[in-house]
PDB file of N, CA and C in Angstrom:
ATOM      1  N   UNK A   1       6.845   6.557  15.666  1.00  0.00           N
ATOM      2  CA  UNK A   1       6.708   7.073  14.323  1.00  0.00           C
ATOM      3  C   UNK A   1       6.381   5.914  13.382  1.00  0.00           C
ATOM      4  N   UNK A   2       5.353   6.306  12.496  1.00  0.00           N
ATOM      5  CA  UNK A   2       4.941   5.241  11.461  1.00  0.00           C
ATOM      6  C   UNK A   2       5.932   4.815  10.528  1.00  0.00           C
ATOM      7  N   UNK A   3       5.937   3.532  10.134  1.00  0.00           N
ATOM      8  CA  UNK A   3       6.879   3.149   9.229  1.00  0.00           C
ATOM      9  C   UNK A   3       6.151   2.756   7.933  1.00  0.00           C
ATOM     10  N   UNK A   4       6.383   3.607   7.005  1.00  0.00           N
ATOM     11  CA  UNK A   4       5.585   3.402   5.706  1.00  0.00           C
ATOM     12  C   UNK A   4       6.193   2.491   4.693  1.00  0.00           C
ATOM     13  N   UNK A   5       7.334   1.767   5.175  1.00  0.00           N
ATOM     14  CA  UNK A   5       7.922   0.781   4.289  1.00  0.00           C
ATOM     15  C   UNK A   5       6.969  -0.491   4.460  1.00  0.00           C
ATOM     16  N   UNK A   6       6.091  -0.723   5.317  1.00  0.00           N
ATOM     17  CA  UNK A   6       5.523  -1.983   5.702  1.00  0.00           C
ATOM     18  C   UNK A   6       4.615  -2.354   4.585  1.00  0.00           C
ATOM     19  N   UNK A   7       3.850  -1.507   3.832  1.00  0.00           N
ATOM     20  CA  UNK A   7       3.030  -1.837   2.776  1.00  0.00           C
ATOM     21  C   UNK A   7       3.799  -2.380   1.611  1.00  0.00           C
ATOM     22  N   UNK A   8       4.932  -1.880   1.221  1.00  0.00           N
ATOM     23  CA  UNK A   8       5.743  -2.279   0.066  1.00  0.00           C
ATOM     24  C   UNK A   8       6.416  -3.633   0.492  1.00  0.00           C
ATOM     25  N   UNK A   9       6.777  -3.914   1.828  1.00  0.00           N
ATOM     26  CA  UNK A   9       7.516  -5.137   2.241  1.00  0.00           C
ATOM     27  C   UNK A   9       6.470  -6.085   2.116  1.00  0.00           C
ATOM     28  N   UNK A  10       5.144  -5.783   2.576  1.00  0.00           N
ATOM     29  CA  UNK A  10       4.071  -6.712   2.571  1.00  0.00           C
ATOM     30  C   UNK A  10       3.833  -7.317   1.079  1.00  0.00           C
ATOM     31  N   UNK A  11       3.789  -6.335   0.169  1.00  0.00           N
ATOM     32  CA  UNK A  11       3.610  -6.702  -1.246  1.00  0.00           C
ATOM     33  C   UNK A  11       4.754  -7.521  -1.625  1.00  0.00           C
ATOM     34  N   UNK A  12       5.904  -7.181  -1.420  1.00  0.00           N
ATOM     35  CA  UNK A  12       7.063  -8.038  -1.780  1.00  0.00           C
ATOM     36  C   UNK A  12       7.059  -9.477  -1.225  1.00  0.00           C
ATOM     37  N   UNK A  13       6.539  -9.552   0.054  1.00  0.00           N
ATOM     38  CA  UNK A  13       6.506 -10.859   0.725  1.00  0.00           C
ATOM     39  C   UNK A  13       5.406 -11.811  -0.044  1.00  0.00           C
ATOM     40  N   UNK A  14       4.214 -11.126  -0.286  1.00  0.00           N
ATOM     41  CA  UNK A  14       2.952 -11.973  -0.768  1.00  0.00           C
ATOM     42  C   UNK A  14       2.898 -11.994  -2.281  1.00  0.00           C
ATOM     43  N   UNK A  15       3.664 -11.316  -2.980  1.00  0.00           N
ATOM     44  CA  UNK A  15       3.619 -11.288  -4.383  1.00  0.00           C
ATOM     45  C   UNK A  15       3.774 -12.613  -5.076  1.00  0.00           C
ATOM     46  N   UNK A  16       3.121 -12.959  -6.125  1.00  0.00           N
ATOM     47  CA  UNK A  16       3.432 -14.306  -6.734  1.00  0.00           C
ATOM     48  C   UNK A  16       4.277 -14.004  -7.831  1.00  0.00           C
ATOM     49  N   UNK A  17       4.779 -12.880  -8.166  1.00  0.00           N
ATOM     50  CA  UNK A  17       5.738 -12.418  -9.222  1.00  0.00           C
ATOM     51  C   UNK A  17       7.086 -12.388  -8.441  1.00  0.00           C
ATOM     52  N   UNK A  18       8.134 -13.191  -8.897  1.00  0.00           N
ATOM     53  CA  UNK A  18       9.459 -13.191  -8.289  1.00  0.00           C
ATOM     54  C   UNK A  18      10.102 -11.705  -8.561  1.00  0.00           C
ATOM     55  N   UNK A  19      10.754 -11.471  -7.503  1.00  0.00           N
ATOM     56  CA  UNK A  19      11.516 -10.192  -7.468  1.00  0.00           C
ATOM     57  C   UNK A  19      10.668  -8.919  -7.545  1.00  0.00           C
ATOM     58  N   UNK A  20       9.479  -9.025  -6.879  1.00  0.00           N
ATOM     59  CA  UNK A  20       8.546  -7.870  -6.879  1.00  0.00           C
ATOM     60  C   UNK A  20       9.079  -6.603  -5.905  1.00  0.00           C
ATOM     61  N   UNK A  21       8.751  -5.537  -6.138  1.00  0.00           N
ATOM     62  CA  UNK A  21       8.949  -4.374  -5.184  1.00  0.00           C
ATOM     63  C   UNK A  21       8.038  -3.299  -5.697  1.00  0.00           C
ATOM     64  N   UNK A  22       7.871  -2.305  -4.817  1.00  0.00           N
ATOM     65  CA  UNK A  22       7.117  -1.141  -5.008  1.00  0.00           C
ATOM     66  C   UNK A  22       7.911   0.028  -5.324  1.00  0.00           C
ATOM     67  N   UNK A  23       7.345   0.915  -6.172  1.00  0.00           N
ATOM     68  CA  UNK A  23       8.030   2.165  -6.323  1.00  0.00           C
ATOM     69  C   UNK A  23       7.161   3.268  -5.742  1.00  0.00           C
ATOM     70  N   UNK A  24       7.655   4.262  -5.096  1.00  0.00           N
ATOM     71  CA  UNK A  24       6.856   5.063  -4.322  1.00  0.00           C
ATOM     72  C   UNK A  24       6.418   6.433  -4.906  1.00  0.00           C
ATOM     73  N   UNK A  25       6.340   6.365  -6.288  1.00  0.00           N
ATOM     74  CA  UNK A  25       5.768   7.622  -6.888  1.00  0.00           C
ATOM     75  C   UNK A  25       4.265   7.618  -6.822  1.00  0.00           C
ATOM     76  N   UNK A  26       3.669   8.756  -6.619  1.00  0.00           N
ATOM     77  CA  UNK A  26       2.171   8.868  -6.376  1.00  0.00           C
ATOM     78  C   UNK A  26       1.374   9.441  -7.630  1.00  0.00           C
ATOM     79  N   UNK A  27       2.091  10.085  -8.518  1.00  0.00           N
ATOM     80  CA  UNK A  27       1.399  10.536  -9.726  1.00  0.00           C
ATOM     81  C   UNK A  27       0.191  11.515  -9.442  1.00  0.00           C
ATOM     82  N   UNK A  28       0.644  12.561  -8.528  1.00  0.00           N
ATOM     83  CA  UNK A  28      -0.371  13.627  -8.473  1.00  0.00           C
ATOM     84  C   UNK A  28      -1.078  13.480  -7.116  1.00  0.00           C
ATOM     85  N   UNK A  29      -0.910  12.494  -6.319  1.00  0.00           N
ATOM     86  CA  UNK A  29      -1.588  12.654  -4.892  1.00  0.00           C
ATOM     87  C   UNK A  29      -0.557  12.868  -3.932  1.00  0.00           C
ATOM     88  N   UNK A  30      -0.597  13.851  -3.374  1.00  0.00           N
ATOM     89  CA  UNK A  30       0.303  14.487  -2.409  1.00  0.00           C
ATOM     90  C   UNK A  30      -0.259  14.044  -0.947  1.00  0.00           C
ATOM     91  N   UNK A  31       0.275  12.982  -0.588  1.00  0.00           N
ATOM     92  CA  UNK A  31      -0.005  12.417   0.768  1.00  0.00           C
ATOM     93  C   UNK A  31       0.644  11.180   0.937  1.00  0.00           C
ATOM     94  N   UNK A  32       0.169  10.583   2.082  1.00  0.00           N
ATOM     95  CA  UNK A  32       0.663   9.232   2.632  1.00  0.00           C
ATOM     96  C   UNK A  32      -0.316   8.199   2.349  1.00  0.00           C
ATOM     97  N   UNK A  33       0.227   6.902   2.276  1.00  0.00           N
ATOM     98  CA  UNK A  33      -0.898   5.780   2.377  1.00  0.00           C
ATOM     99  C   UNK A  33      -0.553   5.015   3.667  1.00  0.00           C
ATOM    100  N   UNK A  34      -1.084   5.534   4.677  1.00  0.00           N
ATOM    101  CA  UNK A  34      -0.839   4.731   6.065  1.00  0.00           C
ATOM    102  C   UNK A  34      -1.572   3.499   6.070  1.00  0.00           C
ATOM    103  N   UNK A  35      -0.870   2.621   6.692  1.00  0.00           N
ATOM    104  CA  UNK A  35      -1.520   1.286   7.032  1.00  0.00           C
ATOM    105  C   UNK A  35      -2.617   1.523   8.215  1.00  0.00           C
ATOM    106  N   UNK A  36      -3.633   0.642   8.331  1.00  0.00           N
ATOM    107  CA  UNK A  36      -4.561   0.810   9.362  1.00  0.00           C
ATOM    108  C   UNK A  36      -4.092   1.214  10.837  1.00  0.00           C
ATOM    109  N   UNK A  37      -3.138   0.560  11.199  1.00  0.00           N
ATOM    110  CA  UNK A  37      -2.497   0.819  12.565  1.00  0.00           C
ATOM    111  C   UNK A  37      -2.108   2.273  12.656  1.00  0.00           C
ATOM    112  N   UNK A  38      -1.742   2.880  11.578  1.00  0.00           N
ATOM    113  CA  UNK A  38      -1.278   4.198  11.656  1.00  0.00           C
ATOM    114  C   UNK A  38      -2.342   5.253  12.175  1.00  0.00           C
ATOM    115  N   UNK A  39      -3.551   4.857  11.631  1.00  0.00           N
ATOM    116  CA  UNK A  39      -4.626   5.727  12.020  1.00  0.00           C
ATOM    117  C   UNK A  39      -4.968   5.681  13.571  1.00  0.00           C
ATOM    118  N   UNK A  40      -4.659   4.498  14.208  1.00  0.00           N
ATOM    119  CA  UNK A  40      -4.859   4.290  15.661  1.00  0.00           C
ATOM    120  C   UNK A  40      -3.785   5.231  16.380  1.00  0.00           C
ATOM    121  N   UNK A  41      -2.655   5.334  15.767  1.00  0.00           N
ATOM    122  CA  UNK A  41      -1.613   6.135  16.381  1.00  0.00           C
ATOM    123  C   UNK A  41      -1.829   7.670  16.308  1.00  0.00           C
ATOM    124  N   UNK A  42      -2.697   8.107  15.360  1.00  0.00           N
ATOM    125  CA  UNK A  42      -3.105   9.430  15.283  1.00  0.00           C
ATOM    126  C   UNK A  42      -2.116  10.688  14.844  1.00  0.00           C
ATOM    127  N   UNK A  43      -1.083  10.100  14.029  1.00  0.00           N
ATOM    128  CA  UNK A  43      -0.133  11.130  13.466  1.00  0.00           C
ATOM    129  C   UNK A  43      -0.735  11.941  12.441  1.00  0.00           C
ATOM    130  N   UNK A  44      -0.096  12.979  12.143  1.00  0.00           N
ATOM    131  CA  UNK A  44      -0.451  13.931  11.036  1.00  0.00           C
ATOM    132  C   UNK A  44      -0.805  13.396   9.761  1.00  0.00           C
ATOM    133  N   UNK A  45      -0.173  12.207   9.495  1.00  0.00           N
ATOM    134  CA  UNK A  45      -0.388  11.593   8.202  1.00  0.00           C
ATOM    135  C   UNK A  45      -1.792  11.028   8.100  1.00  0.00           C
ATOM    136  N   UNK A  46      -2.554  10.895   9.148  1.00  0.00           N
ATOM    137  CA  UNK A  46      -3.869  10.482   9.153  1.00  0.00           C
ATOM    138  C   UNK A  46      -5.009  11.584   9.463  1.00  0.00           C
ATOM    139  N   UNK A  47      -4.623  12.665   9.643  1.00  0.00           N
ATOM    140  CA  UNK A  47      -5.507  13.755  10.139  1.00  0.00           C
ATOM    141  C   UNK A  47      -6.510  14.003   8.977  1.00  0.00           C
ATOM    142  N   UNK A  48      -7.691  14.256   9.212  1.00  0.00           N
ATOM    143  CA  UNK A  48      -8.681  14.677   8.085  1.00  0.00           C
ATOM    144  C   UNK A  48      -8.285  16.038   7.632  1.00  0.00           C
ATOM    145  N   UNK A  49      -8.216  16.217   6.378  1.00  0.00           N
ATOM    146  CA  UNK A  49      -7.705  17.476   5.616  1.00  0.00           C
ATOM    147  C   UNK A  49      -6.272  17.216   5.160  1.00  0.00           C
ATOM    148  N   UNK A  50      -5.575  16.242   5.823  1.00  0.00           N
ATOM    149  CA  UNK A  50      -4.141  15.854   5.346  1.00  0.00           C
ATOM    150  C   UNK A  50      -4.381  14.668   4.657  1.00  0.00           C
ATOM    151  N   UNK A  51      -5.203  13.797   5.111  1.00  0.00           N
ATOM    152  CA  UNK A  51      -5.342  12.483   4.358  1.00  0.00           C
ATOM    153  C   UNK A  51      -6.903  12.288   4.101  1.00  0.00           C
ATOM    154  N   UNK A  52      -7.276  11.878   2.923  1.00  0.00           N
ATOM    155  CA  UNK A  52      -8.500  11.782   2.506  1.00  0.00           C
ATOM    156  C   UNK A  52      -8.815  10.178   2.205  1.00  0.00           C
ATOM    157  N   UNK A  53      -8.169   9.309   2.849  1.00  0.00           N
ATOM    158  CA  UNK A  53      -8.253   7.976   2.592  1.00  0.00           C
ATOM    159  C   UNK A  53      -9.010   7.411   3.943  1.00  0.00           C
ATOM    160  N   UNK A  54      -9.627   6.368   3.644  1.00  0.00           N
ATOM    161  CA  UNK A  54     -10.170   5.561   4.808  1.00  0.00           C
ATOM    162  C   UNK A  54      -9.191   4.648   5.551  1.00  0.00           C
ATOM    163  N   UNK A  55      -9.295   4.359   6.702  1.00  0.00           N
ATOM    164  CA  UNK A  55      -8.293   3.573   7.373  1.00  0.00           C
ATOM    165  C   UNK A  55      -7.894   2.263   6.586  1.00  0.00           C
ATOM    166  N   UNK A  56      -8.774   1.544   6.086  1.00  0.00           N
ATOM    167  CA  UNK A  56      -8.504   0.285   5.319  1.00  0.00           C
ATOM    168  C   UNK A  56      -8.188   0.560   3.870  1.00  0.00           C
ATOM    169  N   UNK A  57      -7.918   1.702   3.474  1.00  0.00           N
ATOM    170  CA  UNK A  57      -7.412   1.942   2.030  1.00  0.00           C
ATOM    171  C   UNK A  57      -6.211   1.152   1.636  1.00  0.00           C
ATOM    172  N   UNK A  58      -5.223   1.162   2.496  1.00  0.00           N
ATOM    173  CA  UNK A  58      -3.951   0.417   2.079  1.00  0.00           C
ATOM    174  C   UNK A  58      -4.186  -1.060   1.904  1.00  0.00           C
ATOM    175  N   UNK A  59      -5.163  -1.595   2.729  1.00  0.00           N
ATOM    176  CA  UNK A  59      -5.463  -2.949   2.800  1.00  0.00           C
ATOM    177  C   UNK A  59      -6.152  -3.278   1.364  1.00  0.00           C
ATOM    178  N   UNK A  60      -7.086  -2.580   1.071  1.00  0.00           N
ATOM    179  CA  UNK A  60      -7.868  -2.614  -0.157  1.00  0.00           C
ATOM    180  C   UNK A  60      -6.970  -2.583  -1.515  1.00  0.00           C
ATOM    181  N   UNK A  61      -6.094  -1.537  -1.401  1.00  0.00           N
ATOM    182  CA  UNK A  61      -5.200  -1.483  -2.533  1.00  0.00           C
ATOM    183  C   UNK A  61      -4.083  -2.448  -2.681  1.00  0.00           C
ATOM    184  N   UNK A  62      -3.701  -2.867  -1.492  1.00  0.00           N
ATOM    185  CA  UNK A  62      -2.630  -4.049  -1.638  1.00  0.00           C
ATOM    186  C   UNK A  62      -3.340  -5.286  -2.065  1.00  0.00           C
ATOM    187  N   UNK A  63      -4.479  -5.539  -1.606  1.00  0.00           N
ATOM    188  CA  UNK A  63      -5.318  -6.835  -2.087  1.00  0.00           C
ATOM    189  C   UNK A  63      -5.542  -6.686  -3.651  1.00  0.00           C
ATOM    190  N   UNK A  64      -5.874  -5.567  -4.225  1.00  0.00           N
ATOM    191  CA  UNK A  64      -6.148  -5.301  -5.611  1.00  0.00           C
ATOM    192  C   UNK A  64      -4.857  -5.688  -6.313  1.00  0.00           C
ATOM    193  N   UNK A  65      -3.908  -4.871  -5.835  1.00  0.00           N
ATOM    194  CA  UNK A  65      -2.594  -5.042  -6.466  1.00  0.00           C
ATOM    195  C   UNK A  65      -1.936  -6.631  -6.360  1.00  0.00           C
ATOM    196  N   UNK A  66      -2.190  -7.329  -5.363  1.00  0.00           N
ATOM    197  CA  UNK A  66      -1.741  -8.679  -5.328  1.00  0.00           C
ATOM    198  C   UNK A  66      -2.744  -9.510  -6.286  1.00  0.00           C
ATOM    199  N   UNK A  67      -3.981  -9.137  -6.446  1.00  0.00           N
ATOM    200  CA  UNK A  67      -4.646  -9.791  -7.397  1.00  0.00           C
ATOM    201  C   UNK A  67      -4.151  -9.539  -8.932  1.00  0.00           C
ATOM    202  N   UNK A  68      -3.886  -8.334  -9.227  1.00  0.00           N
ATOM    203  CA  UNK A  68      -3.391  -8.094 -10.549  1.00  0.00           C
ATOM    204  C   UNK A  68      -1.977  -8.787 -10.879  1.00  0.00           C
ATOM    205  N   UNK A  69      -1.136  -8.850  -9.689  1.00  0.00           N
ATOM    206  CA  UNK A  69       0.069  -9.546  -9.767  1.00  0.00           C
ATOM    207  C   UNK A  69      -0.139 -10.971 -10.036  1.00  0.00           C
ATOM    208  N   UNK A  70      -1.143 -11.608  -9.398  1.00  0.00           N
ATOM    209  CA  UNK A  70      -1.628 -12.956  -9.645  1.00  0.00           C
ATOM    210  C   UNK A  70      -1.937 -13.181 -11.100  1.00  0.00           C
ATOM    211  N   UNK A  71      -2.853 -12.257 -11.621  1.00  0.00           N
ATOM    212  CA  UNK A  71      -3.206 -12.404 -13.061  1.00  0.00           C
ATOM    213  C   UNK A  71      -2.088 -12.282 -13.873  1.00  0.00           C
ATOM    214  N   UNK A  72      -1.054 -11.461 -13.679  1.00  0.00           N
ATOM    215  CA  UNK A  72       0.136 -11.407 -14.314  1.00  0.00           C
ATOM    216  C   UNK A  72       0.971 -12.553 -14.420  1.00  0.00           C
ATOM    217  N   UNK A  73       1.203 -13.087 -13.375  1.00  0.00           N
ATOM    218  CA  UNK A  73       1.916 -14.343 -13.033  1.00  0.00           C
ATOM    219  C   UNK A  73       1.366 -15.502 -13.681  1.00  0.00           C
ATOM    220  N   UNK A  74      -0.120 -15.674 -13.686  1.00  0.00           N
ATOM    221  CA  UNK A  74      -0.708 -16.759 -14.351  1.00  0.00           C
ATOM    222  C   UNK A  74      -0.632 -16.508 -15.997  1.00  0.00           C
ATOM    223  N   UNK A  75      -0.580 -15.392 -16.454  1.00  0.00           N
ATOM    224  CA  UNK A  75      -0.560 -15.194 -17.968  1.00  0.00           C
ATOM    225  C   UNK A  75       0.791 -15.350 -18.429  1.00  0.00           C
ATOM    226  N   UNK A  76       1.760 -15.320 -17.554  1.00  0.00           N
ATOM    227  CA  UNK A  76       3.162 -15.420 -17.946  1.00  0.00           C
ATOM    228  C   UNK A  76       3.707 -16.880 -18.014  1.00  0.00           C
ATOM    229  N   UNK A  77       2.900 -17.848 -17.626  1.00  0.00           N
ATOM    230  CA  UNK A  77       3.265 -19.275 -17.578  1.00  0.00           C
ATOM    231  C   UNK A  77       2.913 -19.932 -18.777  1.00  0.00           C
TER     232      UNK A  77
END
């Protein structure tokens, strides 16, 4: 069974902002954000029609979020 906590935990681990965490609200997207390895497992969270994201979507989103967090950390110094 996929563990969807790993994206949030990775953000918390790599974030340059102290005490970072993710909130799991999706604001209108009714679906999952699987990590790339979940696509290899083939669960329903990754089926076309259920999920409209590419396998690397979570990596790209996490990288963008970490870049924004880095900008925020730099501005707060």
